[in-house]
Amino acid sequence: MNENEKKELQSATFERLLKHLDKRKDVQNIDLMNLAGFCRNCLSKWYREEAGKKGIEISDPDARKYIYGMSYSEWKEKYQK
């Protein structure tokens, strides 16, 4: 496997994780944090930080919107228990 194929697979896997989390809105961030040590907010921070390493500036709200598929406030209102 070459480096480009590796990055494509990693990207596809990450997108699949996001789709999985999107389907499992019943799973609260606190549950993820307690069981896995990370949550959707962690993913958005990691996404923003990795973008920053590449010289790409992404705001916290924009990073969260990418991870949550909607604004964080909208997600909290609809799905947070």
PDB file of N, CA and C in Angstrom:
ATOM      1  N   MET A   1       0.853  -1.169   0.000  1.00  0.00           N
ATOM      2  CA  MET A   1       0.000   0.000   0.000  1.00  0.00           C
ATOM      3  C   MET A   1       0.903   1.237   0.000  1.00  0.00           C
ATOM      4  N   ASN A   2       0.609   2.156  -0.914  1.00  0.00           N
ATOM      5  CA  ASN A   2       1.406   3.380  -0.932  1.00  0.00           C
ATOM      6  C   ASN A   2       0.796   4.426   0.007  1.00  0.00           C
ATOM      7  N   GLU A   3       1.506   5.512   0.211  1.00  0.00           N
ATOM      8  CA  GLU A   3       1.085   6.547   1.161  1.00  0.00           C
ATOM      9  C   GLU A   3      -0.258   7.173   0.774  1.00  0.00           C
ATOM     10  N   ASN A   4      -0.500   7.375  -0.498  1.00  0.00           N
ATOM     11  CA  ASN A   4      -1.770   7.961  -0.941  1.00  0.00           C
ATOM     12  C   ASN A   4      -2.934   7.015  -0.647  1.00  0.00           C
ATOM     13  N   GLU A   5      -2.746   5.734  -0.913  1.00  0.00           N
ATOM     14  CA  GLU A   5      -3.794   4.755  -0.611  1.00  0.00           C
ATOM     15  C   GLU A   5      -4.074   4.703   0.893  1.00  0.00           C
ATOM     16  N   LYS A   6      -3.012   4.758   1.674  1.00  0.00           N
ATOM     17  CA  LYS A   6      -3.150   4.752   3.131  1.00  0.00           C
ATOM     18  C   LYS A   6      -3.992   5.943   3.591  1.00  0.00           C
ATOM     19  N   LYS A   7      -3.692   7.131   3.085  1.00  0.00           N
ATOM     20  CA  LYS A   7      -4.445   8.334   3.455  1.00  0.00           C
ATOM     21  C   LYS A   7      -5.898   8.252   2.995  1.00  0.00           C
ATOM     22  N   GLU A   8      -6.136   7.681   1.820  1.00  0.00           N
ATOM     23  CA  GLU A   8      -7.513   7.511   1.331  1.00  0.00           C
ATOM     24  C   GLU A   8      -8.296   6.576   2.246  1.00  0.00           C
ATOM     25  N   LEU A   9      -7.673   5.485   2.679  1.00  0.00           N
ATOM     26  CA  LEU A   9      -8.331   4.548   3.586  1.00  0.00           C
ATOM     27  C   LEU A   9      -8.604   5.184   4.943  1.00  0.00           C
ATOM     28  N   GLN A  10      -7.639   5.941   5.447  1.00  0.00           N
ATOM     29  CA  GLN A  10      -7.833   6.624   6.727  1.00  0.00           C
ATOM     30  C   GLN A  10      -8.974   7.631   6.630  1.00  0.00           C
ATOM     31  N   SER A  11      -9.025   8.354   5.543  1.00  0.00           N
ATOM     32  CA  SER A  11     -10.084   9.335   5.335  1.00  0.00           C
ATOM     33  C   SER A  11     -11.449   8.650   5.256  1.00  0.00           C
ATOM     34  N   ALA A  12     -11.534   7.576   4.514  1.00  0.00           N
ATOM     35  CA  ALA A  12     -12.791   6.843   4.374  1.00  0.00           C
ATOM     36  C   ALA A  12     -13.227   6.261   5.718  1.00  0.00           C
ATOM     37  N   THR A  13     -12.277   5.788   6.496  1.00  0.00           N
ATOM     38  CA  THR A  13     -12.581   5.236   7.813  1.00  0.00           C
ATOM     39  C   THR A  13     -13.110   6.323   8.742  1.00  0.00           C
ATOM     40  N   PHE A  14     -12.490   7.495   8.700  1.00  0.00           N
ATOM     41  CA  PHE A  14     -12.947   8.619   9.524  1.00  0.00           C
ATOM     42  C   PHE A  14     -14.359   9.036   9.124  1.00  0.00           C
ATOM     43  N   GLU A  15     -14.620   9.116   7.823  1.00  0.00           N
ATOM     44  CA  GLU A  15     -15.963   9.472   7.350  1.00  0.00           C
ATOM     45  C   GLU A  15     -16.974   8.420   7.801  1.00  0.00           C
ATOM     46  N   ARG A  16     -16.577   7.165   7.800  1.00  0.00           N
ATOM     47  CA  ARG A  16     -17.468   6.091   8.254  1.00  0.00           C
ATOM     48  C   ARG A  16     -17.753   6.222   9.752  1.00  0.00           C
ATOM     49  N   LEU A  17     -16.745   6.586  10.537  1.00  0.00           N
ATOM     50  CA  LEU A  17     -16.937   6.833  11.967  1.00  0.00           C
ATOM     51  C   LEU A  17     -17.941   7.963  12.174  1.00  0.00           C
ATOM     52  N   LEU A  18     -17.801   9.050  11.426  1.00  0.00           N
ATOM     53  CA  LEU A  18     -18.732  10.174  11.555  1.00  0.00           C
ATOM     54  C   LEU A  18     -20.160   9.752  11.197  1.00  0.00           C
ATOM     55  N   LYS A  19     -20.311   8.964  10.149  1.00  0.00           N
ATOM     56  CA  LYS A  19     -21.646   8.475   9.769  1.00  0.00           C
ATOM     57  C   LYS A  19     -22.228   7.580  10.856  1.00  0.00           C
ATOM     58  N   HIS A  20     -21.383   6.745  11.433  1.00  0.00           N
ATOM     59  CA  HIS A  20     -21.826   5.868  12.514  1.00  0.00           C
ATOM     60  C   HIS A  20     -22.308   6.696  13.704  1.00  0.00           C
ATOM     61  N   LEU A  21     -21.524   7.689  14.099  1.00  0.00           N
ATOM     62  CA  LEU A  21     -21.918   8.545  15.217  1.00  0.00           C
ATOM     63  C   LEU A  21     -23.188   9.325  14.889  1.00  0.00           C
ATOM     64  N   ASP A  22     -23.345   9.708  13.631  1.00  0.00           N
ATOM     65  CA  ASP A  22     -24.543  10.429  13.221  1.00  0.00           C
ATOM     66  C   ASP A  22     -25.783   9.543  13.363  1.00  0.00           C
ATOM     67  N   LYS A  23     -25.636   8.267  13.072  1.00  0.00           N
ATOM     68  CA  LYS A  23     -26.758   7.333  13.207  1.00  0.00           C
ATOM     69  C   LYS A  23     -27.046   7.012  14.674  1.00  0.00           C
ATOM     70  N   ARG A  24     -26.060   7.198  15.531  1.00  0.00           N
ATOM     71  CA  ARG A  24     -26.197   6.852  16.952  1.00  0.00           C
ATOM     72  C   ARG A  24     -26.281   8.106  17.819  1.00  0.00           C
ATOM     73  N   LYS A  25     -27.221   8.962  17.466  1.00  0.00           N
ATOM     74  CA  LYS A  25     -27.423  10.184  18.247  1.00  0.00           C
ATOM     75  C   LYS A  25     -27.891   9.866  19.666  1.00  0.00           C
ATOM     76  N   ASP A  26     -28.379   8.649  19.873  1.00  0.00           N
ATOM     77  CA  ASP A  26     -28.773   8.232  21.217  1.00  0.00           C
ATOM     78  C   ASP A  26     -27.577   8.085  22.148  1.00  0.00           C
ATOM     79  N   VAL A  27     -26.406   7.919  21.596  1.00  0.00           N
ATOM     80  CA  VAL A  27     -25.193   7.799  22.405  1.00  0.00           C
ATOM     81  C   VAL A  27     -24.716   9.208  22.754  1.00  0.00           C
ATOM     82  N   GLN A  28     -24.769   9.528  24.028  1.00  0.00           N
ATOM     83  CA  GLN A  28     -24.394  10.846  24.500  1.00  0.00           C
ATOM     84  C   GLN A  28     -22.872  10.975  24.577  1.00  0.00           C
ATOM     85  N   ASN A  29     -22.406  12.218  24.472  1.00  0.00           N
ATOM     86  CA  ASN A  29     -20.968  12.471  24.551  1.00  0.00           C
ATOM     87  C   ASN A  29     -20.380  11.967  25.864  1.00  0.00           C
ATOM     88  N   ILE A  30     -21.109  12.127  26.954  1.00  0.00           N
ATOM     89  CA  ILE A  30     -20.599  11.674  28.253  1.00  0.00           C
ATOM     90  C   ILE A  30     -20.416  10.156  28.258  1.00  0.00           C
ATOM     91  N   ASP A  31     -21.309   9.446  27.566  1.00  0.00           N
ATOM     92  CA  ASP A  31     -21.164   7.994  27.456  1.00  0.00           C
ATOM     93  C   ASP A  31     -19.902   7.633  26.680  1.00  0.00           C
ATOM     94  N   LEU A  32     -19.696   8.324  25.563  1.00  0.00           N
ATOM     95  CA  LEU A  32     -18.480   8.093  24.778  1.00  0.00           C
ATOM     96  C   LEU A  32     -17.240   8.382  25.607  1.00  0.00           C
ATOM     97  N   MET A  33     -17.265   9.504  26.317  1.00  0.00           N
ATOM     98  CA  MET A  33     -16.098   9.906  27.102  1.00  0.00           C
ATOM     99  C   MET A  33     -15.808   8.889  28.201  1.00  0.00           C
ATOM    100  N   ASN A  34     -16.851   8.435  28.871  1.00  0.00           N
ATOM    101  CA  ASN A  34     -16.649   7.458  29.953  1.00  0.00           C
ATOM    102  C   ASN A  34     -16.150   6.116  29.446  1.00  0.00           C
ATOM    103  N   LEU A  35     -16.641   5.685  28.294  1.00  0.00           N
ATOM    104  CA  LEU A  35     -16.270   4.365  27.780  1.00  0.00           C
ATOM    105  C   LEU A  35     -15.024   4.368  26.898  1.00  0.00           C
ATOM    106  N   ALA A  36     -14.878   5.414  26.078  1.00  0.00           N
ATOM    107  CA  ALA A  36     -13.803   5.406  25.080  1.00  0.00           C
ATOM    108  C   ALA A  36     -12.723   6.451  25.334  1.00  0.00           C
ATOM    109  N   GLY A  37     -12.988   7.403  26.213  1.00  0.00           N
ATOM    110  CA  GLY A  37     -11.990   8.429  26.502  1.00  0.00           C
ATOM    111  C   GLY A  37     -11.971   9.553  25.489  1.00  0.00           C
ATOM    112  N   PHE A  38     -12.974   9.607  24.613  1.00  0.00           N
ATOM    113  CA  PHE A  38     -13.116  10.713  23.675  1.00  0.00           C
ATOM    114  C   PHE A  38     -14.588  10.847  23.313  1.00  0.00           C
ATOM    115  N   CYS A  39     -14.945  12.005  22.768  1.00  0.00           N
ATOM    116  CA  CYS A  39     -16.328  12.236  22.362  1.00  0.00           C
ATOM    117  C   CYS A  39     -16.347  13.046  21.071  1.00  0.00           C
ATOM    118  N   ARG A  40     -17.525  13.437  20.640  1.00  0.00           N
ATOM    119  CA  ARG A  40     -17.656  14.224  19.414  1.00  0.00           C
ATOM    120  C   ARG A  40     -16.910  15.554  19.531  1.00  0.00           C
ATOM    121  N   ASN A  41     -16.942  16.154  20.718  1.00  0.00           N
ATOM    122  CA  ASN A  41     -16.218  17.413  20.907  1.00  0.00           C
ATOM    123  C   ASN A  41     -14.717  17.206  20.762  1.00  0.00           C
ATOM    124  N   CYS A  42     -14.222  16.097  21.267  1.00  0.00           N
ATOM    125  CA  CYS A  42     -12.796  15.777  21.099  1.00  0.00           C
ATOM    126  C   CYS A  42     -12.457  15.666  19.615  1.00  0.00           C
ATOM    127  N   LEU A  43     -13.307  14.951  18.870  1.00  0.00           N
ATOM    128  CA  LEU A  43     -13.066  14.803  17.432  1.00  0.00           C
ATOM    129  C   LEU A  43     -13.018  16.160  16.742  1.00  0.00           C
ATOM    130  N   SER A  44     -13.921  17.072  17.125  1.00  0.00           N
ATOM    131  CA  SER A  44     -13.924  18.395  16.484  1.00  0.00           C
ATOM    132  C   SER A  44     -12.655  19.169  16.831  1.00  0.00           C
ATOM    133  N   LYS A  45     -12.174  19.039  18.063  1.00  0.00           N
ATOM    134  CA  LYS A  45     -10.928  19.711  18.459  1.00  0.00           C
ATOM    135  C   LYS A  45      -9.739  19.125  17.710  1.00  0.00           C
ATOM    136  N   TRP A  46      -9.697  17.810  17.598  1.00  0.00           N
ATOM    137  CA  TRP A  46      -8.602  17.165  16.868  1.00  0.00           C
ATOM    138  C   TRP A  46      -8.615  17.582  15.401  1.00  0.00           C
ATOM    139  N   TYR A  47      -9.804  17.652  14.830  1.00  0.00           N
ATOM    140  CA  TYR A  47      -9.959  18.073  13.429  1.00  0.00           C
ATOM    141  C   TYR A  47      -9.415  19.494  13.237  1.00  0.00           C
ATOM    142  N   ARG A  48      -9.815  20.397  14.138  1.00  0.00           N
ATOM    143  CA  ARG A  48      -9.356  21.787  14.068  1.00  0.00           C
ATOM    144  C   ARG A  48      -7.841  21.871  14.271  1.00  0.00           C
ATOM    145  N   GLU A  49      -7.315  21.132  15.225  1.00  0.00           N
ATOM    146  CA  GLU A  49      -5.876  21.150  15.497  1.00  0.00           C
ATOM    147  C   GLU A  49      -5.069  20.623  14.318  1.00  0.00           C
ATOM    148  N   GLU A  50      -5.533  19.546  13.710  1.00  0.00           N
ATOM    149  CA  GLU A  50      -4.820  18.988  12.549  1.00  0.00           C
ATOM    150  C   GLU A  50      -4.881  19.946  11.366  1.00  0.00           C
ATOM    151  N   ALA A  51      -6.001  20.618  11.198  1.00  0.00           N
ATOM    152  CA  ALA A  51      -6.101  21.638  10.144  1.00  0.00           C
ATOM    153  C   ALA A  51      -5.084  22.748  10.405  1.00  0.00           C
ATOM    154  N   GLY A  52      -4.979  23.171  11.655  1.00  0.00           N
ATOM    155  CA  GLY A  52      -4.026  24.218  12.023  1.00  0.00           C
ATOM    156  C   GLY A  52      -2.587  23.840  11.702  1.00  0.00           C
ATOM    157  N   LYS A  53      -2.248  22.572  11.881  1.00  0.00           N
ATOM    158  CA  LYS A  53      -0.900  22.098  11.556  1.00  0.00           C
ATOM    159  C   LYS A  53      -0.609  22.230  10.065  1.00  0.00           C
ATOM    160  N   LYS A  54      -1.666  22.221   9.261  1.00  0.00           N
ATOM    161  CA  LYS A  54      -1.518  22.361   7.809  1.00  0.00           C
ATOM    162  C   LYS A  54      -1.700  23.803   7.352  1.00  0.00           C
ATOM    163  N   GLY A  55      -1.831  24.717   8.325  1.00  0.00           N
ATOM    164  CA  GLY A  55      -2.010  26.124   7.986  1.00  0.00           C
ATOM    165  C   GLY A  55      -3.434  26.482   7.586  1.00  0.00           C
ATOM    166  N   ILE A  56      -4.378  25.602   7.917  1.00  0.00           N
ATOM    167  CA  ILE A  56      -5.784  25.836   7.606  1.00  0.00           C
ATOM    168  C   ILE A  56      -6.488  26.237   8.888  1.00  0.00           C
ATOM    169  N   GLU A  57      -7.087  27.405   8.890  1.00  0.00           N
ATOM    170  CA  GLU A  57      -7.769  27.875  10.090  1.00  0.00           C
ATOM    171  C   GLU A  57      -9.247  27.500  10.025  1.00  0.00           C
ATOM    172  N   ILE A  58      -9.686  26.784  11.048  1.00  0.00           N
ATOM    173  CA  ILE A  58     -11.088  26.387  11.174  1.00  0.00           C
ATOM    174  C   ILE A  58     -11.540  26.790  12.570  1.00  0.00           C
ATOM    175  N   SER A  59     -12.665  27.457  12.650  1.00  0.00           N
ATOM    176  CA  SER A  59     -13.187  27.872  13.950  1.00  0.00           C
ATOM    177  C   SER A  59     -13.756  26.670  14.697  1.00  0.00           C
ATOM    178  N   ASP A  60     -13.879  26.790  16.012  1.00  0.00           N
ATOM    179  CA  ASP A  60     -14.512  25.727  16.799  1.00  0.00           C
ATOM    180  C   ASP A  60     -15.925  25.437  16.309  1.00  0.00           C
ATOM    181  N   PRO A  61     -16.761  26.471  16.098  1.00  0.00           N
ATOM    182  CA  PRO A  61     -18.116  26.172  15.609  1.00  0.00           C
ATOM    183  C   PRO A  61     -18.129  25.455  14.261  1.00  0.00           C
ATOM    184  N   ASP A  62     -17.231  25.824  13.357  1.00  0.00           N
ATOM    185  CA  ASP A  62     -17.180  25.157  12.050  1.00  0.00           C
ATOM    186  C   ASP A  62     -16.700  23.715  12.173  1.00  0.00           C
ATOM    187  N   ALA A  63     -15.728  23.480  13.036  1.00  0.00           N
ATOM    188  CA  ALA A  63     -15.238  22.114  13.252  1.00  0.00           C
ATOM    189  C   ALA A  63     -16.341  21.253  13.864  1.00  0.00           C
ATOM    190  N   ARG A  64     -17.058  21.800  14.826  1.00  0.00           N
ATOM    191  CA  ARG A  64     -18.152  21.045  15.441  1.00  0.00           C
ATOM    192  C   ARG A  64     -19.257  20.771  14.430  1.00  0.00           C
ATOM    193  N   LYS A  65     -19.543  21.737  13.578  1.00  0.00           N
ATOM    194  CA  LYS A  65     -20.583  21.543  12.564  1.00  0.00           C
ATOM    195  C   LYS A  65     -20.202  20.393  11.631  1.00  0.00           C
ATOM    196  N   TYR A  66     -18.914  20.288  11.296  1.00  0.00           N
ATOM    197  CA  TYR A  66     -18.454  19.193  10.444  1.00  0.00           C
ATOM    198  C   TYR A  66     -18.648  17.852  11.146  1.00  0.00           C
ATOM    199  N   ILE A  67     -18.284  17.772  12.417  1.00  0.00           N
ATOM    200  CA  ILE A  67     -18.365  16.518  13.158  1.00  0.00           C
ATOM    201  C   ILE A  67     -19.818  16.150  13.474  1.00  0.00           C
ATOM    202  N   TYR A  68     -20.599  17.128  13.899  1.00  0.00           N
ATOM    203  CA  TYR A  68     -21.989  16.867  14.302  1.00  0.00           C
ATOM    204  C   TYR A  68     -22.960  16.828  13.125  1.00  0.00           C
ATOM    205  N   GLY A  69     -22.588  17.397  11.998  1.00  0.00           N
ATOM    206  CA  GLY A  69     -23.486  17.449  10.850  1.00  0.00           C
ATOM    207  C   GLY A  69     -24.515  18.561  10.953  1.00  0.00           C
ATOM    208  N   MET A  70     -24.365  19.396  11.968  1.00  0.00           N
ATOM    209  CA  MET A  70     -25.245  20.548  12.195  1.00  0.00           C
ATOM    210  C   MET A  70     -24.561  21.402  13.260  1.00  0.00           C
ATOM    211  N   SER A  71     -25.113  22.561  13.531  1.00  0.00           N
ATOM    212  CA  SER A  71     -24.490  23.387  14.571  1.00  0.00           C
ATOM    213  C   SER A  71     -24.566  22.660  15.906  1.00  0.00           C
ATOM    214  N   TYR A  72     -23.609  22.922  16.746  1.00  0.00           N
ATOM    215  CA  TYR A  72     -23.552  22.273  18.053  1.00  0.00           C
ATOM    216  C   TYR A  72     -24.794  22.615  18.874  1.00  0.00           C
ATOM    217  N   SER A  73     -25.226  23.864  18.834  1.00  0.00           N
ATOM    218  CA  SER A  73     -26.402  24.257  19.599  1.00  0.00           C
ATOM    219  C   SER A  73     -27.648  23.506  19.114  1.00  0.00           C
ATOM    220  N   GLU A  74     -27.761  23.317  17.801  1.00  0.00           N
ATOM    221  CA  GLU A  74     -28.897  22.565  17.250  1.00  0.00           C
ATOM    222  C   GLU A  74     -28.844  21.108  17.709  1.00  0.00           C
ATOM    223  N   TRP A  75     -27.655  20.502  17.666  1.00  0.00           N
ATOM    224  CA  TRP A  75     -27.506  19.111  18.094  1.00  0.00           C
ATOM    225  C   TRP A  75     -27.876  18.976  19.572  1.00  0.00           C
ATOM    226  N   LYS A  76     -27.360  19.892  20.401  1.00  0.00           N
ATOM    227  CA  LYS A  76     -27.661  19.830  21.833  1.00  0.00           C
ATOM    228  C   LYS A  76     -29.164  19.920  22.073  1.00  0.00           C
ATOM    229  N   GLU A  77     -29.824  20.839  21.379  1.00  0.00           N
ATOM    230  CA  GLU A  77     -31.262  21.029  21.559  1.00  0.00           C
ATOM    231  C   GLU A  77     -32.047  19.784  21.162  1.00  0.00           C
ATOM    232  N   LYS A  78     -31.638  19.152  20.069  1.00  0.00           N
ATOM    233  CA  LYS A  78     -32.378  17.992  19.562  1.00  0.00           C
ATOM    234  C   LYS A  78     -32.049  16.681  20.253  1.00  0.00           C
ATOM    235  N   TYR A  79     -30.777  16.491  20.632  1.00  0.00           N
ATOM    236  CA  TYR A  79     -30.343  15.148  21.024  1.00  0.00           C
ATOM    237  C   TYR A  79     -29.716  15.020  22.410  1.00  0.00           C
ATOM    238  N   GLN A  80     -29.253  16.112  22.995  1.00  0.00           N
ATOM    239  CA  GLN A  80     -28.598  15.973  24.292  1.00  0.00           C
ATOM    240  C   GLN A  80     -29.634  15.766  25.387  1.00  0.00           C
ATOM    241  N   LYS A  81     -29.407  14.788  26.214  1.00  0.00           N
ATOM    242  CA  LYS A  81     -30.339  14.454  27.305  1.00  0.00           C
ATOM    243  C   LYS A  81     -29.876  15.057  28.596  1.00  0.00           C
TER     244      LYS A  81
END
